[in-house]
Amino acid sequence: MGSKLGLPEILLIVGIALLLFGPSKFATLGKSLGEGLRNFKSAIKEGEEPKKDEQNKS
């Protein structure tokens, strides 16, 4: 009994989300999610940069 999400499950979730929110809200939600992930990745990279600099100084 695995709890993996496969392609059929993801498509079903996307279809339900489209029915609930409509295409315009769904597009806005996707854009916001993408921006949030991009900001999160850049924040992680910024947090790692000082560690690399500290190692080079030692």
PDB file of N, CA and C in Angstrom:
ATOM      1  N   MET A   1       0.834  -1.188   0.000  1.00  0.00           N
ATOM      2  CA  MET A   1       0.000   0.000   0.000  1.00  0.00           C
ATOM      3  C   MET A   1       0.877   1.249   0.000  1.00  0.00           C
ATOM      4  N   GLY A   2       1.357   1.633  -1.164  1.00  0.00           N
ATOM      5  CA  GLY A   2       2.178   2.823  -1.273  1.00  0.00           C
ATOM      6  C   GLY A   2       1.324   4.073  -1.339  1.00  0.00           C
ATOM      7  N   SER A   3       1.878   5.151  -0.932  1.00  0.00           N
ATOM      8  CA  SER A   3       1.155   6.420  -0.967  1.00  0.00           C
ATOM      9  C   SER A   3       1.780   7.362  -1.996  1.00  0.00           C
ATOM     10  N   LYS A   4       2.309   6.794  -3.069  1.00  0.00           N
ATOM     11  CA  LYS A   4       2.917   7.603  -4.114  1.00  0.00           C
ATOM     12  C   LYS A   4       1.845   8.260  -4.968  1.00  0.00           C
ATOM     13  N   LEU A   5       2.146   9.453  -5.452  1.00  0.00           N
ATOM     14  CA  LEU A   5       1.264  10.127  -6.383  1.00  0.00           C
ATOM     15  C   LEU A   5       1.784   9.876  -7.791  1.00  0.00           C
ATOM     16  N   GLY A   6       0.981   9.229  -8.580  1.00  0.00           N
ATOM     17  CA  GLY A   6       1.346   8.983  -9.961  1.00  0.00           C
ATOM     18  C   GLY A   6       0.703  10.008 -10.868  1.00  0.00           C
ATOM     19  N   LEU A   7       0.898   9.846 -12.156  1.00  0.00           N
ATOM     20  CA  LEU A   7       0.343  10.776 -13.135  1.00  0.00           C
ATOM     21  C   LEU A   7      -1.183  10.827 -13.086  1.00  0.00           C
ATOM     22  N   PRO A   8      -1.882   9.695 -12.998  1.00  0.00           N
ATOM     23  CA  PRO A   8      -3.351   9.778 -12.936  1.00  0.00           C
ATOM     24  C   PRO A   8      -3.860  10.546 -11.716  1.00  0.00           C
ATOM     25  N   GLU A   9      -3.210  10.366 -10.579  1.00  0.00           N
ATOM     26  CA  GLU A   9      -3.637  11.068  -9.376  1.00  0.00           C
ATOM     27  C   GLU A   9      -3.398  12.568  -9.490  1.00  0.00           C
ATOM     28  N   ILE A  10      -2.242  12.928 -10.039  1.00  0.00           N
ATOM     29  CA  ILE A  10      -1.913  14.350 -10.206  1.00  0.00           C
ATOM     30  C   ILE A  10      -2.890  15.005 -11.179  1.00  0.00           C
ATOM     31  N   LEU A  11      -3.207  14.315 -12.275  1.00  0.00           N
ATOM     32  CA  LEU A  11      -4.161  14.865 -13.238  1.00  0.00           C
ATOM     33  C   LEU A  11      -5.539  15.039 -12.615  1.00  0.00           C
ATOM     34  N   LEU A  12      -5.935  14.115 -11.776  1.00  0.00           N
ATOM     35  CA  LEU A  12      -7.224  14.224 -11.093  1.00  0.00           C
ATOM     36  C   LEU A  12      -7.235  15.426 -10.158  1.00  0.00           C
ATOM     37  N   ILE A  13      -6.161  15.626  -9.420  1.00  0.00           N
ATOM     38  CA  ILE A  13      -6.072  16.765  -8.510  1.00  0.00           C
ATOM     39  C   ILE A  13      -6.102  18.077  -9.284  1.00  0.00           C
ATOM     40  N   VAL A  14      -5.384  18.130 -10.395  1.00  0.00           N
ATOM     41  CA  VAL A  14      -5.374  19.344 -11.227  1.00  0.00           C
ATOM     42  C   VAL A  14      -6.757  19.599 -11.801  1.00  0.00           C
ATOM     43  N   GLY A  15      -7.443  18.551 -12.245  1.00  0.00           N
ATOM     44  CA  GLY A  15      -8.789  18.708 -12.786  1.00  0.00           C
ATOM     45  C   GLY A  15      -9.763  19.234 -11.745  1.00  0.00           C
ATOM     46  N   ILE A  16      -9.697  18.718 -10.541  1.00  0.00           N
ATOM     47  CA  ILE A  16     -10.576  19.190  -9.468  1.00  0.00           C
ATOM     48  C   ILE A  16     -10.255  20.639  -9.124  1.00  0.00           C
ATOM     49  N   ALA A  17      -8.970  20.974  -9.094  1.00  0.00           N
ATOM     50  CA  ALA A  17      -8.579  22.354  -8.799  1.00  0.00           C
ATOM     51  C   ALA A  17      -9.104  23.308  -9.876  1.00  0.00           C
ATOM     52  N   LEU A  18      -9.052  22.878 -11.136  1.00  0.00           N
ATOM     53  CA  LEU A  18      -9.586  23.714 -12.217  1.00  0.00           C
ATOM     54  C   LEU A  18     -11.085  23.931 -12.045  1.00  0.00           C
ATOM     55  N   LEU A  19     -11.799  22.875 -11.664  1.00  0.00           N
ATOM     56  CA  LEU A  19     -13.240  23.016 -11.459  1.00  0.00           C
ATOM     57  C   LEU A  19     -13.555  23.936 -10.281  1.00  0.00           C
ATOM     58  N   LEU A  20     -12.779  23.852  -9.226  1.00  0.00           N
ATOM     59  CA  LEU A  20     -13.043  24.659  -8.044  1.00  0.00           C
ATOM     60  C   LEU A  20     -12.660  26.125  -8.230  1.00  0.00           C
ATOM     61  N   PHE A  21     -11.503  26.371  -8.790  1.00  0.00           N
ATOM     62  CA  PHE A  21     -10.977  27.734  -8.844  1.00  0.00           C
ATOM     63  C   PHE A  21     -11.180  28.422 -10.184  1.00  0.00           C
ATOM     64  N   GLY A  22     -11.350  27.680 -11.251  1.00  0.00           N
ATOM     65  CA  GLY A  22     -11.465  28.280 -12.571  1.00  0.00           C
ATOM     66  C   GLY A  22     -10.091  28.527 -13.163  1.00  0.00           C
ATOM     67  N   PRO A  23     -10.034  28.660 -14.476  1.00  0.00           N
ATOM     68  CA  PRO A  23      -8.730  28.799 -15.154  1.00  0.00           C
ATOM     69  C   PRO A  23      -7.936  30.031 -14.747  1.00  0.00           C
ATOM     70  N   SER A  24      -8.592  31.174 -14.546  1.00  0.00           N
ATOM     71  CA  SER A  24      -7.842  32.401 -14.225  1.00  0.00           C
ATOM     72  C   SER A  24      -7.228  32.319 -12.835  1.00  0.00           C
ATOM     73  N   LYS A  25      -7.987  31.858 -11.861  1.00  0.00           N
ATOM     74  CA  LYS A  25      -7.448  31.715 -10.504  1.00  0.00           C
ATOM     75  C   LYS A  25      -6.372  30.642 -10.460  1.00  0.00           C
ATOM     76  N   PHE A  26      -6.559  29.591 -11.241  1.00  0.00           N
ATOM     77  CA  PHE A  26      -5.597  28.497 -11.277  1.00  0.00           C
ATOM     78  C   PHE A  26      -4.271  28.975 -11.853  1.00  0.00           C
ATOM     79  N   ALA A  27      -4.318  29.800 -12.899  1.00  0.00           N
ATOM     80  CA  ALA A  27      -3.097  30.346 -13.488  1.00  0.00           C
ATOM     81  C   ALA A  27      -2.380  31.263 -12.496  1.00  0.00           C
ATOM     82  N   THR A  28      -3.140  32.084 -11.799  1.00  0.00           N
ATOM     83  CA  THR A  28      -2.560  32.972 -10.791  1.00  0.00           C
ATOM     84  C   THR A  28      -1.932  32.168  -9.662  1.00  0.00           C
ATOM     85  N   LEU A  29      -2.609  31.109  -9.258  1.00  0.00           N
ATOM     86  CA  LEU A  29      -2.083  30.250  -8.199  1.00  0.00           C
ATOM     87  C   LEU A  29      -0.771  29.601  -8.639  1.00  0.00           C
ATOM     88  N   GLY A  30      -0.712  29.127  -9.878  1.00  0.00           N
ATOM     89  CA  GLY A  30       0.516  28.522 -10.399  1.00  0.00           C
ATOM     90  C   GLY A  30       1.663  29.521 -10.466  1.00  0.00           C
ATOM     91  N   LYS A  31       1.354  30.733 -10.881  1.00  0.00           N
ATOM     92  CA  LYS A  31       2.387  31.774 -10.957  1.00  0.00           C
ATOM     93  C   LYS A  31       2.915  32.100  -9.564  1.00  0.00           C
ATOM     94  N   SER A  32       2.020  32.232  -8.608  1.00  0.00           N
ATOM     95  CA  SER A  32       2.430  32.528  -7.236  1.00  0.00           C
ATOM     96  C   SER A  32       3.262  31.399  -6.644  1.00  0.00           C
ATOM     97  N   LEU A  33       2.864  30.165  -6.925  1.00  0.00           N
ATOM     98  CA  LEU A  33       3.616  29.016  -6.441  1.00  0.00           C
ATOM     99  C   LEU A  33       5.022  28.991  -7.044  1.00  0.00           C
ATOM    100  N   GLY A  34       5.129  29.273  -8.337  1.00  0.00           N
ATOM    101  CA  GLY A  34       6.434  29.316  -8.994  1.00  0.00           C
ATOM    102  C   GLY A  34       7.336  30.394  -8.420  1.00  0.00           C
ATOM    103  N   GLU A  35       6.769  31.571  -8.180  1.00  0.00           N
ATOM    104  CA  GLU A  35       7.559  32.658  -7.595  1.00  0.00           C
ATOM    105  C   GLU A  35       8.011  32.307  -6.183  1.00  0.00           C
ATOM    106  N   GLY A  36       7.147  31.672  -5.436  1.00  0.00           N
ATOM    107  CA  GLY A  36       7.506  31.267  -4.076  1.00  0.00           C
ATOM    108  C   GLY A  36       8.637  30.261  -4.067  1.00  0.00           C
ATOM    109  N   LEU A  37       8.580  29.290  -4.961  1.00  0.00           N
ATOM    110  CA  LEU A  37       9.659  28.305  -5.056  1.00  0.00           C
ATOM    111  C   LEU A  37      10.968  28.959  -5.490  1.00  0.00           C
ATOM    112  N   ARG A  38      10.889  29.890  -6.423  1.00  0.00           N
ATOM    113  CA  ARG A  38      12.088  30.584  -6.897  1.00  0.00           C
ATOM    114  C   ARG A  38      12.717  31.393  -5.757  1.00  0.00           C
ATOM    115  N   ASN A  39      11.891  32.077  -4.983  1.00  0.00           N
ATOM    116  CA  ASN A  39      12.400  32.852  -3.842  1.00  0.00           C
ATOM    117  C   ASN A  39      13.001  31.939  -2.786  1.00  0.00           C
ATOM    118  N   PHE A  40      12.366  30.796  -2.560  1.00  0.00           N
ATOM    119  CA  PHE A  40      12.871  29.844  -1.577  1.00  0.00           C
ATOM    120  C   PHE A  40      14.244  29.311  -1.998  1.00  0.00           C
ATOM    121  N   LYS A  41      14.391  28.957  -3.272  1.00  0.00           N
ATOM    122  CA  LYS A  41      15.676  28.449  -3.765  1.00  0.00           C
ATOM    123  C   LYS A  41      16.757  29.522  -3.681  1.00  0.00           C
ATOM    124  N   SER A  42      16.413  30.763  -4.013  1.00  0.00           N
ATOM    125  CA  SER A  42      17.428  31.825  -3.944  1.00  0.00           C
ATOM    126  C   SER A  42      17.822  32.097  -2.492  1.00  0.00           C
ATOM    127  N   ALA A  43      16.880  31.992  -1.576  1.00  0.00           N
ATOM    128  CA  ALA A  43      17.208  32.191  -0.164  1.00  0.00           C
ATOM    129  C   ALA A  43      18.127  31.083   0.346  1.00  0.00           C
ATOM    130  N   ILE A  44      17.903  29.879  -0.105  1.00  0.00           N
ATOM    131  CA  ILE A  44      18.778  28.768   0.291  1.00  0.00           C
ATOM    132  C   ILE A  44      20.180  28.979  -0.266  1.00  0.00           C
ATOM    133  N   LYS A  45      20.286  29.417  -1.513  1.00  0.00           N
ATOM    134  CA  LYS A  45      21.598  29.655  -2.121  1.00  0.00           C
ATOM    135  C   LYS A  45      22.331  30.779  -1.397  1.00  0.00           C
ATOM    136  N   GLU A  46      21.610  31.822  -1.001  1.00  0.00           N
ATOM    137  CA  GLU A  46      22.239  32.924  -0.269  1.00  0.00           C
ATOM    138  C   GLU A  46      22.748  32.459   1.085  1.00  0.00           C
ATOM    139  N   GLY A  47      22.036  31.550   1.709  1.00  0.00           N
ATOM    140  CA  GLY A  47      22.453  31.023   3.002  1.00  0.00           C
ATOM    141  C   GLY A  47      23.674  30.135   2.894  1.00  0.00           C
ATOM    142  N   GLU A  48      23.892  29.507   1.753  1.00  0.00           N
ATOM    143  CA  GLU A  48      25.037  28.615   1.568  1.00  0.00           C
ATOM    144  C   GLU A  48      26.302  29.371   1.177  1.00  0.00           C
ATOM    145  N   GLU A  49      26.192  30.526   0.574  1.00  0.00           N
ATOM    146  CA  GLU A  49      27.361  31.262   0.092  1.00  0.00           C
ATOM    147  C   GLU A  49      28.357  31.628   1.200  1.00  0.00           C
ATOM    148  N   PRO A  50      27.930  32.124   2.356  1.00  0.00           N
ATOM    149  CA  PRO A  50      28.914  32.451   3.401  1.00  0.00           C
ATOM    150  C   PRO A  50      29.697  31.233   3.883  1.00  0.00           C
ATOM    151  N   LYS A  51      29.082  30.078   3.900  1.00  0.00           N
ATOM    152  CA  LYS A  51      29.779  28.878   4.339  1.00  0.00           C
ATOM    153  C   LYS A  51      30.935  28.559   3.397  1.00  0.00           C
ATOM    154  N   LYS A  52      30.735  28.736   2.102  1.00  0.00           N
ATOM    155  CA  LYS A  52      31.800  28.475   1.131  1.00  0.00           C
ATOM    156  C   LYS A  52      32.938  29.482   1.318  1.00  0.00           C
ATOM    157  N   ASP A  53      32.578  30.755   1.571  1.00  0.00           N
ATOM    158  CA  ASP A  53      33.595  31.777   1.787  1.00  0.00           C
ATOM    159  C   ASP A  53      34.399  31.507   3.044  1.00  0.00           C
ATOM    160  N   GLU A  54      33.747  31.046   4.087  1.00  0.00           N
ATOM    161  CA  GLU A  54      34.450  30.755   5.344  1.00  0.00           C
ATOM    162  C   GLU A  54      35.427  29.614   5.173  1.00  0.00           C
ATOM    163  N   GLN A  55      35.089  28.628   4.358  1.00  0.00           N
ATOM    164  CA  GLN A  55      35.972  27.490   4.139  1.00  0.00           C
ATOM    165  C   GLN A  55      37.208  27.920   3.349  1.00  0.00           C
ATOM    166  N   ASN A  56      37.048  28.834   2.417  1.00  0.00           N
ATOM    167  CA  ASN A  56      38.174  29.283   1.613  1.00  0.00           C
ATOM    168  C   ASN A  56      39.150  30.140   2.430  1.00  0.00           C
ATOM    169  N   LYS A  57      38.663  30.854   3.447  1.00  0.00           N
ATOM    170  CA  LYS A  57      39.510  31.717   4.261  1.00  0.00           C
ATOM    171  C   LYS A  57      40.372  30.910   5.221  1.00  0.00           C
ATOM    172  N   SER A  58      39.917  29.728   5.613  1.00  0.00           N
ATOM    173  CA  SER A  58      40.636  28.929   6.599  1.00  0.00           C
ATOM    174  C   SER A  58      41.904  28.329   6.039  1.00  0.00           C
TER     175      SER A  58
END
